[in-house]
Amino acid sequence: MHKTLSYYTLLFLIRLKGIKKAFSQSPINYLKLRSYDVFNPTKGYYKTAKIESFSILKSKITQLNTHLEADKLLLYFHGGAFVSGPAQYHWDAMATLSKNTKHTIWVCNYPKAPECKIDEISTNVDQIYQMALTKFKSENIILMGDSAGGTLVVALTQRLFNKQKTPSKIVLISPLLDASLKNTEIDVIDKNDPILAKIGLLSALKMCSDDANDVRISPINGQFKLFPKTYLFLAENDITFPDQLEFVSKLEHEKIDFMLNIGQGMPHIWPLIPVMKASKVALNQLITIINE
C-alpha cells in the first residue's frame, strides 16, 4: 500500500498525542489514554442525527438510526485496550456507517478495566447481545469490533455456538486475539508499531485479567468451527498482527468463509483513523460489507 503524505501526517499526529509513549510504560498510564475518551459526541453528524441512549447493566448503548424502519443491527464494540474508549475517531467512523447504511447501530460503551475485570465485561457483552435478540433477528445482526472490541466480538461468537443464535457476519478491525503476546514475531514488529507497545499493552491486559489464557481475553485459544462469515482488516505495522495470522490459519482449517484485507505498512486500526486516503477506501469497503 502506497504511503502518501497523509500517512506521514498521521504518524506525526500519533506521536504528538503521545499514544505510543503511553503504551511504552508499565503500569500503563490508562488515565492518559482516557483523556481522549468521548462519551457524548456533539460534532458534525451528531448535531442533528437521531440518537437514543439506554443502559444495559453497566454499559451505555448509543443508538444511531437515520433510517426509522431499519430492521437490521450493527452491534459495535470499540477498542481501547480494555481500559479506555470510545474515542472521537470511533464516533466519526460510526457516523459514516450510519449515513451510508440502512442499519440501526448500537455503539456499546462497556465497563473498563481496572475498575471492572473480564468477568463483568463479558457479562455485559452477553446481556447486550441478548437484548439485541429481543429486537432483531440474529440473521439481521452484524457484530463489529476493533482492537479489544474485536476480542469481545470473537469471544462472544464462541459463546453463542450452543445457542445457535450467531450473527450473520462479524467484522474485525485489528482484533487482539492473544493476551499473552507470547508470539516472538511481536518483538520485531514492536519497533515499527507507531501506536502500540508490548510492555504497555501487557500491563493493560493484566488489569483486565490475571489469566492470559482465558478465552474471553485470548479467544485464539477457543473454537472457530461454527463461525459466521468473517471480515478481517489487519495491519502489518501492528504488534497484534502475528496472532491475527494464526487466527486466519484457524479459520482456513475450519473452512470458515472469510475476507482478508491487510494494510501494507499500515498501523493498528487503520480503517478507523482519519486523514489517510487508505482509511477512506477501507471505510467504503466496510460500508459495502454491511450493505451486501
C-alpha atoms as a PDB file:
ATOM      1  CA  MET A   1       0.000   0.000   0.000  1.00  0.00           C
ATOM      2  CA  HIS A   2       1.496   3.325  -1.110  1.00  0.00           C
ATOM      3  CA  LYS A   3       2.446   5.621   1.760  1.00  0.00           C
ATOM      4  CA  THR A   4       1.157   9.087   0.971  1.00  0.00           C
ATOM      5  CA  LEU A   5       1.781  12.437   2.634  1.00  0.00           C
ATOM      6  CA  SER A   6      -1.377  11.852   4.665  1.00  0.00           C
ATOM      7  CA  TYR A   7       0.196   8.668   6.065  1.00  0.00           C
ATOM      8  CA  TYR A   8       3.205  10.568   7.401  1.00  0.00           C
ATOM      9  CA  THR A   9       0.907  13.309   8.688  1.00  0.00           C
ATOM     10  CA  LEU A  10      -0.962  10.646  10.639  1.00  0.00           C
ATOM     11  CA  LEU A  11       2.262   9.311  12.155  1.00  0.00           C
ATOM     12  CA  PHE A  12       3.173  12.831  13.235  1.00  0.00           C
ATOM     13  CA  LEU A  13      -0.216  13.337  14.919  1.00  0.00           C
ATOM     14  CA  ILE A  14       0.051   9.985  16.704  1.00  0.00           C
ATOM     15  CA  ARG A  15       3.467  10.906  18.064  1.00  0.00           C
ATOM     16  CA  LEU A  16       2.169  14.341  19.068  1.00  0.00           C
ATOM     17  CA  LYS A  17      -0.585  12.765  21.170  1.00  0.00           C
ATOM     18  CA  GLY A  18       1.929  10.502  22.910  1.00  0.00           C
ATOM     19  CA  ILE A  19      -0.089   7.299  22.451  1.00  0.00           C
ATOM     20  CA  LYS A  20       2.976   5.133  21.798  1.00  0.00           C
ATOM     21  CA  LYS A  21       4.631   6.692  24.839  1.00  0.00           C
ATOM     22  CA  ALA A  22       1.656   5.764  26.996  1.00  0.00           C
ATOM     23  CA  PHE A  23       1.844   2.182  25.728  1.00  0.00           C
ATOM     24  CA  SER A  24       5.583   2.088  26.431  1.00  0.00           C
ATOM     25  CA  GLN A  25       5.082   2.284  30.190  1.00  0.00           C
ATOM     26  CA  SER A  26       4.264  -0.332  32.785  1.00  0.00           C
ATOM     27  CA  PRO A  27       1.999   0.134  34.550  1.00  0.00           C
ATOM     28  CA  ILE A  28       0.280   1.720  31.595  1.00  0.00           C
ATOM     29  CA  ASN A  29      -0.961   5.273  32.029  1.00  0.00           C
ATOM     30  CA  TYR A  30      -4.588   4.410  31.312  1.00  0.00           C
ATOM     31  CA  LEU A  31      -5.734   7.811  32.557  1.00  0.00           C
ATOM     32  CA  LYS A  32      -3.685   9.389  29.768  1.00  0.00           C
ATOM     33  CA  LEU A  33      -5.476   7.169  27.253  1.00  0.00           C
ATOM     34  CA  ARG A  34      -8.838   8.069  28.777  1.00  0.00           C
ATOM     35  CA  SER A  35      -8.143  11.761  28.225  1.00  0.00           C
ATOM     36  CA  TYR A  36      -9.192  11.137  24.599  1.00  0.00           C
ATOM     37  CA  ASP A  37     -12.468   9.406  25.504  1.00  0.00           C
ATOM     38  CA  VAL A  38     -15.687  10.879  24.109  1.00  0.00           C
ATOM     39  CA  PHE A  39     -18.964   9.680  25.594  1.00  0.00           C
ATOM     40  CA  ASN A  40     -21.448  12.176  24.162  1.00  0.00           C
ATOM     41  CA  PRO A  41     -20.349  13.297  20.678  1.00  0.00           C
ATOM     42  CA  THR A  42     -21.642  16.659  19.511  1.00  0.00           C
ATOM     43  CA  LYS A  43     -19.675  17.404  16.354  1.00  0.00           C
ATOM     44  CA  GLY A  44     -20.835  17.189  12.747  1.00  0.00           C
ATOM     45  CA  TYR A  45     -23.322  14.386  12.188  1.00  0.00           C
ATOM     46  CA  TYR A  46     -24.170  14.243  15.884  1.00  0.00           C
ATOM     47  CA  LYS A  47     -25.598  17.753  15.924  1.00  0.00           C
ATOM     48  CA  THR A  48     -28.715  16.674  14.012  1.00  0.00           C
ATOM     49  CA  ALA A  49     -28.717  12.855  13.985  1.00  0.00           C
ATOM     50  CA  LYS A  50     -31.474  10.818  15.580  1.00  0.00           C
ATOM     51  CA  ILE A  51     -29.750   9.430  18.657  1.00  0.00           C
ATOM     52  CA  GLU A  52     -31.089   7.484  21.611  1.00  0.00           C
ATOM     53  CA  SER A  53     -29.199   6.204  24.632  1.00  0.00           C
ATOM     54  CA  PHE A  54     -30.018   3.486  27.124  1.00  0.00           C
ATOM     55  CA  SER A  55     -28.214   1.308  29.636  1.00  0.00           C
ATOM     56  CA  ILE A  56     -27.713  -2.442  29.878  1.00  0.00           C
ATOM     57  CA  LEU A  57     -26.100  -3.376  33.191  1.00  0.00           C
ATOM     58  CA  LYS A  58     -23.014  -1.106  33.355  1.00  0.00           C
ATOM     59  CA  SER A  59     -22.912  -0.457  29.601  1.00  0.00           C
ATOM     60  CA  LYS A  60     -24.180   2.647  27.848  1.00  0.00           C
ATOM     61  CA  ILE A  61     -25.635   1.966  24.407  1.00  0.00           C
ATOM     62  CA  THR A  62     -25.860   4.839  21.939  1.00  0.00           C
ATOM     63  CA  GLN A  63     -28.285   4.034  19.137  1.00  0.00           C
ATOM     64  CA  LEU A  64     -27.745   5.660  15.776  1.00  0.00           C
ATOM     65  CA  ASN A  65     -30.552   5.285  13.303  1.00  0.00           C
ATOM     66  CA  THR A  66     -31.154   7.619  10.380  1.00  0.00           C
ATOM     67  CA  HIS A  67     -33.484   5.005   8.872  1.00  0.00           C
ATOM     68  CA  LEU A  68     -36.544   4.818  11.095  1.00  0.00           C
ATOM     69  CA  GLU A  69     -37.719   1.469   9.712  1.00  0.00           C
ATOM     70  CA  ALA A  70     -34.337  -0.244   9.953  1.00  0.00           C
ATOM     71  CA  ASP A  71     -34.754  -3.903  10.924  1.00  0.00           C
ATOM     72  CA  LYS A  72     -31.038  -4.682  10.777  1.00  0.00           C
ATOM     73  CA  LEU A  73     -28.499  -4.021  13.502  1.00  0.00           C
ATOM     74  CA  LEU A  74     -24.796  -3.271  13.502  1.00  0.00           C
ATOM     75  CA  LEU A  75     -23.594  -4.026  17.038  1.00  0.00           C
ATOM     76  CA  TYR A  76     -20.284  -2.230  17.534  1.00  0.00           C
ATOM     77  CA  PHE A  77     -17.727  -2.704  20.307  1.00  0.00           C
ATOM     78  CA  HIS A  78     -14.927  -0.135  20.333  1.00  0.00           C
ATOM     79  CA  GLY A  79     -11.274  -0.709  21.161  1.00  0.00           C
ATOM     80  CA  GLY A  80      -9.071   0.861  23.812  1.00  0.00           C
ATOM     81  CA  ALA A  81      -7.046  -1.998  25.336  1.00  0.00           C
ATOM     82  CA  PHE A  82      -9.955  -2.679  27.733  1.00  0.00           C
ATOM     83  CA  VAL A  83      -9.045   0.458  29.705  1.00  0.00           C
ATOM     84  CA  SER A  84     -10.329   3.351  27.566  1.00  0.00           C
ATOM     85  CA  GLY A  85     -12.660   4.479  24.798  1.00  0.00           C
ATOM     86  CA  PRO A  86     -14.631   5.250  22.796  1.00  0.00           C
ATOM     87  CA  ALA A  87     -12.595   7.998  21.119  1.00  0.00           C
ATOM     88  CA  GLN A  88     -13.720  10.618  18.611  1.00  0.00           C
ATOM     89  CA  TYR A  89     -12.474   8.557  15.657  1.00  0.00           C
ATOM     90  CA  HIS A  90     -14.797   5.727  16.703  1.00  0.00           C
ATOM     91  CA  TRP A  91     -17.759   8.094  16.602  1.00  0.00           C
ATOM     92  CA  ASP A  92     -16.651   9.563  13.267  1.00  0.00           C
ATOM     93  CA  ALA A  93     -16.453   6.116  11.700  1.00  0.00           C
ATOM     94  CA  MET A  94     -19.876   5.140  13.073  1.00  0.00           C
ATOM     95  CA  ALA A  95     -21.353   8.376  11.736  1.00  0.00           C
ATOM     96  CA  THR A  96     -20.099   7.494   8.255  1.00  0.00           C
ATOM     97  CA  LEU A  97     -21.550   3.989   8.518  1.00  0.00           C
ATOM     98  CA  SER A  98     -24.865   5.301   9.821  1.00  0.00           C
ATOM     99  CA  LYS A  99     -25.205   7.757   6.946  1.00  0.00           C
ATOM    100  CA  ASN A 100     -24.374   5.160   4.313  1.00  0.00           C
ATOM    101  CA  THR A 101     -26.138   2.013   5.504  1.00  0.00           C
ATOM    102  CA  LYS A 102     -29.691   1.058   6.371  1.00  0.00           C
ATOM    103  CA  HIS A 103     -28.742  -0.395   9.727  1.00  0.00           C
ATOM    104  CA  THR A 104     -29.535   0.657  13.227  1.00  0.00           C
ATOM    105  CA  ILE A 105     -26.184   0.994  15.007  1.00  0.00           C
ATOM    106  CA  TRP A 106     -25.564   0.321  18.667  1.00  0.00           C
ATOM    107  CA  VAL A 107     -22.282   1.830  19.859  1.00  0.00           C
ATOM    108  CA  CYS A 108     -21.546  -0.142  23.028  1.00  0.00           C
ATOM    109  CA  ASN A 109     -19.580   1.608  25.762  1.00  0.00           C
ATOM    110  CA  TYR A 110     -18.895  -1.365  28.032  1.00  0.00           C
ATOM    111  CA  PRO A 111     -17.270  -1.180  31.510  1.00  0.00           C
ATOM    112  CA  LYS A 112     -13.474  -0.875  31.575  1.00  0.00           C
ATOM    113  CA  ALA A 113     -10.500  -2.204  33.496  1.00  0.00           C
ATOM    114  CA  PRO A 114      -9.039  -1.792  36.020  1.00  0.00           C
ATOM    115  CA  GLU A 115     -12.353  -0.966  37.717  1.00  0.00           C
ATOM    116  CA  CYS A 116     -14.004  -3.975  36.048  1.00  0.00           C
ATOM    117  CA  LYS A 117     -12.490  -7.327  35.076  1.00  0.00           C
ATOM    118  CA  ILE A 118     -13.164  -9.580  32.102  1.00  0.00           C
ATOM    119  CA  ASP A 119     -15.863 -11.482  34.055  1.00  0.00           C
ATOM    120  CA  GLU A 120     -18.042  -8.399  34.371  1.00  0.00           C
ATOM    121  CA  ILE A 121     -17.167  -7.066  30.919  1.00  0.00           C
ATOM    122  CA  SER A 122     -18.163 -10.381  29.312  1.00  0.00           C
ATOM    123  CA  THR A 123     -21.412 -10.495  31.278  1.00  0.00           C
ATOM    124  CA  ASN A 124     -22.242  -7.035  29.934  1.00  0.00           C
ATOM    125  CA  VAL A 125     -21.426  -8.088  26.366  1.00  0.00           C
ATOM    126  CA  ASP A 126     -23.611 -11.196  26.649  1.00  0.00           C
ATOM    127  CA  GLN A 127     -26.511  -9.185  28.033  1.00  0.00           C
ATOM    128  CA  ILE A 128     -26.192  -6.604  25.256  1.00  0.00           C
ATOM    129  CA  TYR A 129     -26.427  -9.334  22.634  1.00  0.00           C
ATOM    130  CA  GLN A 130     -29.398 -10.967  24.354  1.00  0.00           C
ATOM    131  CA  MET A 131     -31.162  -7.605  24.390  1.00  0.00           C
ATOM    132  CA  ALA A 132     -30.389  -7.208  20.686  1.00  0.00           C
ATOM    133  CA  LEU A 133     -32.034 -10.583  20.009  1.00  0.00           C
ATOM    134  CA  THR A 134     -35.282  -9.335  21.538  1.00  0.00           C
ATOM    135  CA  LYS A 135     -35.440  -6.594  18.900  1.00  0.00           C
ATOM    136  CA  PHE A 136     -33.661  -8.048  15.852  1.00  0.00           C
ATOM    137  CA  LYS A 137     -33.389 -11.463  14.244  1.00  0.00           C
ATOM    138  CA  SER A 138     -29.926 -12.983  14.598  1.00  0.00           C
ATOM    139  CA  GLU A 139     -29.597 -13.224  10.801  1.00  0.00           C
ATOM    140  CA  ASN A 140     -30.066  -9.444  10.700  1.00  0.00           C
ATOM    141  CA  ILE A 141     -27.295  -8.702  13.218  1.00  0.00           C
ATOM    142  CA  ILE A 142     -23.695  -7.861  12.335  1.00  0.00           C
ATOM    143  CA  LEU A 143     -21.057  -7.851  15.064  1.00  0.00           C
ATOM    144  CA  MET A 144     -18.185  -5.430  14.592  1.00  0.00           C
ATOM    145  CA  GLY A 145     -15.230  -4.578  16.803  1.00  0.00           C
ATOM    146  CA  ASP A 146     -11.797  -3.037  16.663  1.00  0.00           C
ATOM    147  CA  SER A 147      -8.796  -3.987  18.808  1.00  0.00           C
ATOM    148  CA  ALA A 148     -10.092  -5.033  22.261  1.00  0.00           C
ATOM    149  CA  GLY A 149     -13.611  -4.653  20.868  1.00  0.00           C
ATOM    150  CA  GLY A 150     -12.642  -7.295  18.327  1.00  0.00           C
ATOM    151  CA  THR A 151     -11.596  -9.542  21.224  1.00  0.00           C
ATOM    152  CA  LEU A 152     -15.070  -9.168  22.702  1.00  0.00           C
ATOM    153  CA  VAL A 153     -16.748  -9.920  19.370  1.00  0.00           C
ATOM    154  CA  VAL A 154     -14.738 -13.116  18.765  1.00  0.00           C
ATOM    155  CA  ALA A 155     -15.203 -14.347  22.340  1.00  0.00           C
ATOM    156  CA  LEU A 156     -18.939 -13.603  22.235  1.00  0.00           C
ATOM    157  CA  THR A 157     -19.311 -15.509  18.959  1.00  0.00           C
ATOM    158  CA  GLN A 158     -17.580 -18.513  20.533  1.00  0.00           C
ATOM    159  CA  ARG A 159     -20.033 -18.449  23.433  1.00  0.00           C
ATOM    160  CA  LEU A 160     -23.003 -18.416  21.052  1.00  0.00           C
ATOM    161  CA  PHE A 161     -22.288 -21.815  19.461  1.00  0.00           C
ATOM    162  CA  ASN A 162     -24.709 -23.851  21.559  1.00  0.00           C
ATOM    163  CA  LYS A 163     -27.440 -21.222  21.397  1.00  0.00           C
ATOM    164  CA  GLN A 164     -27.425 -21.205  17.576  1.00  0.00           C
ATOM    165  CA  LYS A 165     -28.182 -17.503  17.526  1.00  0.00           C
ATOM    166  CA  THR A 166     -24.990 -16.415  15.841  1.00  0.00           C
ATOM    167  CA  PRO A 167     -24.931 -13.147  13.872  1.00  0.00           C
ATOM    168  CA  SER A 168     -24.986 -13.048  10.085  1.00  0.00           C
ATOM    169  CA  LYS A 169     -21.358 -11.929   9.924  1.00  0.00           C
ATOM    170  CA  ILE A 170     -18.596 -10.488  12.058  1.00  0.00           C
ATOM    171  CA  VAL A 171     -16.266  -7.648  11.104  1.00  0.00           C
ATOM    172  CA  LEU A 172     -12.931  -7.372  12.891  1.00  0.00           C
ATOM    173  CA  ILE A 173     -10.508  -4.451  12.680  1.00  0.00           C
ATOM    174  CA  SER A 174      -7.080  -5.223  14.161  1.00  0.00           C
ATOM    175  CA  PRO A 175      -8.542  -7.603  16.780  1.00  0.00           C
ATOM    176  CA  LEU A 176      -6.497  -8.504  19.841  1.00  0.00           C
ATOM    177  CA  LEU A 177      -6.569 -12.303  19.939  1.00  0.00           C
ATOM    178  CA  ASP A 178      -3.928 -13.457  22.423  1.00  0.00           C
ATOM    179  CA  ALA A 179      -3.447 -11.562  25.684  1.00  0.00           C
ATOM    180  CA  SER A 180      -0.176 -13.353  26.394  1.00  0.00           C
ATOM    181  CA  LEU A 181       1.550 -11.622  23.449  1.00  0.00           C
ATOM    182  CA  LYS A 182       3.961 -14.571  23.501  1.00  0.00           C
ATOM    183  CA  ASN A 183       4.463 -14.746  19.732  1.00  0.00           C
ATOM    184  CA  THR A 184       8.144 -13.921  19.173  1.00  0.00           C
ATOM    185  CA  GLU A 185       7.374 -12.012  15.961  1.00  0.00           C
ATOM    186  CA  ILE A 186       5.675  -9.362  18.102  1.00  0.00           C
ATOM    187  CA  ASP A 187       9.048  -8.191  19.420  1.00  0.00           C
ATOM    188  CA  VAL A 188      10.211  -7.464  15.874  1.00  0.00           C
ATOM    189  CA  ILE A 189       7.083  -5.520  14.922  1.00  0.00           C
ATOM    190  CA  ASP A 190       7.119  -3.630  18.238  1.00  0.00           C
ATOM    191  CA  LYS A 191       9.909  -1.416  16.893  1.00  0.00           C
ATOM    192  CA  ASN A 192       7.790  -0.308  13.911  1.00  0.00           C
ATOM    193  CA  ASP A 193       4.355  -0.106  15.502  1.00  0.00           C
ATOM    194  CA  PRO A 194       3.602   3.646  15.844  1.00  0.00           C
ATOM    195  CA  ILE A 195       0.673   3.138  18.250  1.00  0.00           C
ATOM    196  CA  LEU A 196       1.031   0.081  20.464  1.00  0.00           C
ATOM    197  CA  ALA A 197       3.932  -1.222  22.515  1.00  0.00           C
ATOM    198  CA  LYS A 198       4.086  -4.687  24.038  1.00  0.00           C
ATOM    199  CA  ILE A 199       5.012  -3.611  27.569  1.00  0.00           C
ATOM    200  CA  GLY A 200       2.066  -1.245  27.994  1.00  0.00           C
ATOM    201  CA  LEU A 201      -0.451  -3.492  26.272  1.00  0.00           C
ATOM    202  CA  LEU A 202       0.522  -6.377  28.559  1.00  0.00           C
ATOM    203  CA  SER A 203       0.025  -4.059  31.521  1.00  0.00           C
ATOM    204  CA  ALA A 204      -3.464  -3.088  30.355  1.00  0.00           C
ATOM    205  CA  LEU A 205      -4.433  -6.701  29.728  1.00  0.00           C
ATOM    206  CA  LYS A 206      -3.183  -7.672  33.192  1.00  0.00           C
ATOM    207  CA  MET A 207      -5.557  -5.058  34.615  1.00  0.00           C
ATOM    208  CA  CYS A 208      -8.407  -6.853  32.845  1.00  0.00           C
ATOM    209  CA  SER A 209      -7.493 -10.451  33.702  1.00  0.00           C
ATOM    210  CA  ASP A 210      -4.845 -12.366  35.648  1.00  0.00           C
ATOM    211  CA  ASP A 211      -5.198 -15.312  33.275  1.00  0.00           C
ATOM    212  CA  ALA A 212      -3.792 -14.508  29.835  1.00  0.00           C
ATOM    213  CA  ASN A 213      -5.013 -17.895  28.539  1.00  0.00           C
ATOM    214  CA  ASP A 214      -8.671 -17.240  29.363  1.00  0.00           C
ATOM    215  CA  VAL A 215     -10.576 -17.490  26.057  1.00  0.00           C
ATOM    216  CA  ARG A 216     -12.611 -14.417  26.982  1.00  0.00           C
ATOM    217  CA  ILE A 217      -9.472 -12.281  26.648  1.00  0.00           C
ATOM    218  CA  SER A 218      -7.461 -14.661  24.428  1.00  0.00           C
ATOM    219  CA  PRO A 219     -10.077 -16.088  22.028  1.00  0.00           C
ATOM    220  CA  ILE A 220      -7.297 -17.565  19.879  1.00  0.00           C
ATOM    221  CA  ASN A 221      -7.453 -20.446  22.402  1.00  0.00           C
ATOM    222  CA  GLY A 222     -11.116 -21.136  21.609  1.00  0.00           C
ATOM    223  CA  GLN A 223     -13.028 -22.861  18.816  1.00  0.00           C
ATOM    224  CA  PHE A 224     -13.945 -21.454  15.405  1.00  0.00           C
ATOM    225  CA  LYS A 225     -15.709 -24.278  13.584  1.00  0.00           C
ATOM    226  CA  LEU A 226     -19.180 -22.672  13.609  1.00  0.00           C
ATOM    227  CA  PHE A 227     -18.164 -19.096  12.898  1.00  0.00           C
ATOM    228  CA  PRO A 228     -20.263 -16.962  10.532  1.00  0.00           C
ATOM    229  CA  LYS A 229     -18.621 -15.223   7.595  1.00  0.00           C
ATOM    230  CA  THR A 230     -15.745 -13.174   8.959  1.00  0.00           C
ATOM    231  CA  TYR A 231     -14.245  -9.974   7.553  1.00  0.00           C
ATOM    232  CA  LEU A 232     -10.754  -9.026   8.698  1.00  0.00           C
ATOM    233  CA  PHE A 233      -8.961  -5.694   8.354  1.00  0.00           C
ATOM    234  CA  LEU A 234      -5.393  -6.173   9.565  1.00  0.00           C
ATOM    235  CA  ALA A 235      -2.228  -4.068   9.598  1.00  0.00           C
ATOM    236  CA  GLU A 236       1.401  -5.034   9.072  1.00  0.00           C
ATOM    237  CA  ASN A 237       2.869  -2.468  11.500  1.00  0.00           C
ATOM    238  CA  ASP A 238       0.793  -3.722  14.399  1.00  0.00           C
ATOM    239  CA  ILE A 239       2.011  -5.942  17.234  1.00  0.00           C
ATOM    240  CA  THR A 240      -1.331  -7.797  17.183  1.00  0.00           C
ATOM    241  CA  PHE A 241      -0.723  -8.845  13.557  1.00  0.00           C
ATOM    242  CA  PRO A 242       1.165 -12.155  14.141  1.00  0.00           C
ATOM    243  CA  ASP A 243      -1.670 -13.583  16.262  1.00  0.00           C
ATOM    244  CA  GLN A 244      -4.188 -12.445  13.663  1.00  0.00           C
ATOM    245  CA  LEU A 245      -2.377 -14.506  11.023  1.00  0.00           C
ATOM    246  CA  GLU A 246      -2.682 -17.540  13.305  1.00  0.00           C
ATOM    247  CA  PHE A 247      -6.407 -16.764  13.585  1.00  0.00           C
ATOM    248  CA  VAL A 248      -6.652 -16.728   9.781  1.00  0.00           C
ATOM    249  CA  SER A 249      -4.990 -20.156   9.675  1.00  0.00           C
ATOM    250  CA  LYS A 250      -7.547 -21.498  12.147  1.00  0.00           C
ATOM    251  CA  LEU A 251     -10.409 -20.124  10.022  1.00  0.00           C
ATOM    252  CA  GLU A 252      -8.911 -21.803   6.962  1.00  0.00           C
ATOM    253  CA  HIS A 253      -8.561 -25.080   8.842  1.00  0.00           C
ATOM    254  CA  GLU A 254     -12.225 -24.968   9.839  1.00  0.00           C
ATOM    255  CA  LYS A 255     -13.220 -23.943   6.285  1.00  0.00           C
ATOM    256  CA  ILE A 256     -14.846 -20.739   7.519  1.00  0.00           C
ATOM    257  CA  ASP A 257     -15.772 -18.224   4.834  1.00  0.00           C
ATOM    258  CA  PHE A 258     -13.690 -15.091   5.389  1.00  0.00           C
ATOM    259  CA  MET A 259     -12.407 -11.990   3.616  1.00  0.00           C
ATOM    260  CA  LEU A 260      -8.948 -10.645   4.386  1.00  0.00           C
ATOM    261  CA  ASN A 261      -7.687  -7.095   3.890  1.00  0.00           C
ATOM    262  CA  ILE A 262      -4.108  -6.465   5.006  1.00  0.00           C
ATOM    263  CA  GLY A 263      -2.938  -2.866   5.114  1.00  0.00           C
ATOM    264  CA  GLN A 264       0.664  -2.991   3.946  1.00  0.00           C
ATOM    265  CA  GLY A 265       2.761  -0.753   6.174  1.00  0.00           C
ATOM    266  CA  MET A 266      -0.399   0.400   7.959  1.00  0.00           C
ATOM    267  CA  PRO A 267      -0.778   0.894  11.737  1.00  0.00           C
ATOM    268  CA  HIS A 268      -3.247  -0.617  14.197  1.00  0.00           C
ATOM    269  CA  ILE A 269      -6.968   0.057  13.418  1.00  0.00           C
ATOM    270  CA  TRP A 270      -6.046   1.996  10.266  1.00  0.00           C
ATOM    271  CA  PRO A 271      -9.539   1.835   8.648  1.00  0.00           C
ATOM    272  CA  LEU A 272     -10.908   3.951  11.518  1.00  0.00           C
ATOM    273  CA  ILE A 273      -8.202   6.597  11.574  1.00  0.00           C
ATOM    274  CA  PRO A 274      -8.977   9.802   9.657  1.00  0.00           C
ATOM    275  CA  VAL A 275      -6.570  11.692   7.389  1.00  0.00           C
ATOM    276  CA  MET A 276      -5.304   8.771   5.286  1.00  0.00           C
ATOM    277  CA  LYS A 277      -6.725   8.030   1.840  1.00  0.00           C
ATOM    278  CA  ALA A 278      -6.268   4.325   2.566  1.00  0.00           C
ATOM    279  CA  SER A 279      -8.544   4.661   5.597  1.00  0.00           C
ATOM    280  CA  LYS A 280     -11.302   6.218   3.497  1.00  0.00           C
ATOM    281  CA  VAL A 281     -11.036   3.397   0.962  1.00  0.00           C
ATOM    282  CA  ALA A 282     -11.264   0.810   3.740  1.00  0.00           C
ATOM    283  CA  LEU A 283     -14.240   2.586   5.300  1.00  0.00           C
ATOM    284  CA  ASN A 284     -16.031   2.424   1.946  1.00  0.00           C
ATOM    285  CA  GLN A 285     -15.303  -1.298   1.884  1.00  0.00           C
ATOM    286  CA  LEU A 286     -16.893  -1.600   5.309  1.00  0.00           C
ATOM    287  CA  ILE A 287     -19.998   0.150   4.002  1.00  0.00           C
ATOM    288  CA  THR A 288     -20.192  -2.353   1.145  1.00  0.00           C
ATOM    289  CA  ILE A 289     -19.770  -5.294   3.532  1.00  0.00           C
ATOM    290  CA  ILE A 290     -22.570  -4.060   5.777  1.00  0.00           C
ATOM    291  CA  ASN A 291     -24.916  -3.379   2.889  1.00  0.00           C
ATOM    292  CA  GLU A 292     -24.319  -6.557   0.895  1.00  0.00           C
END
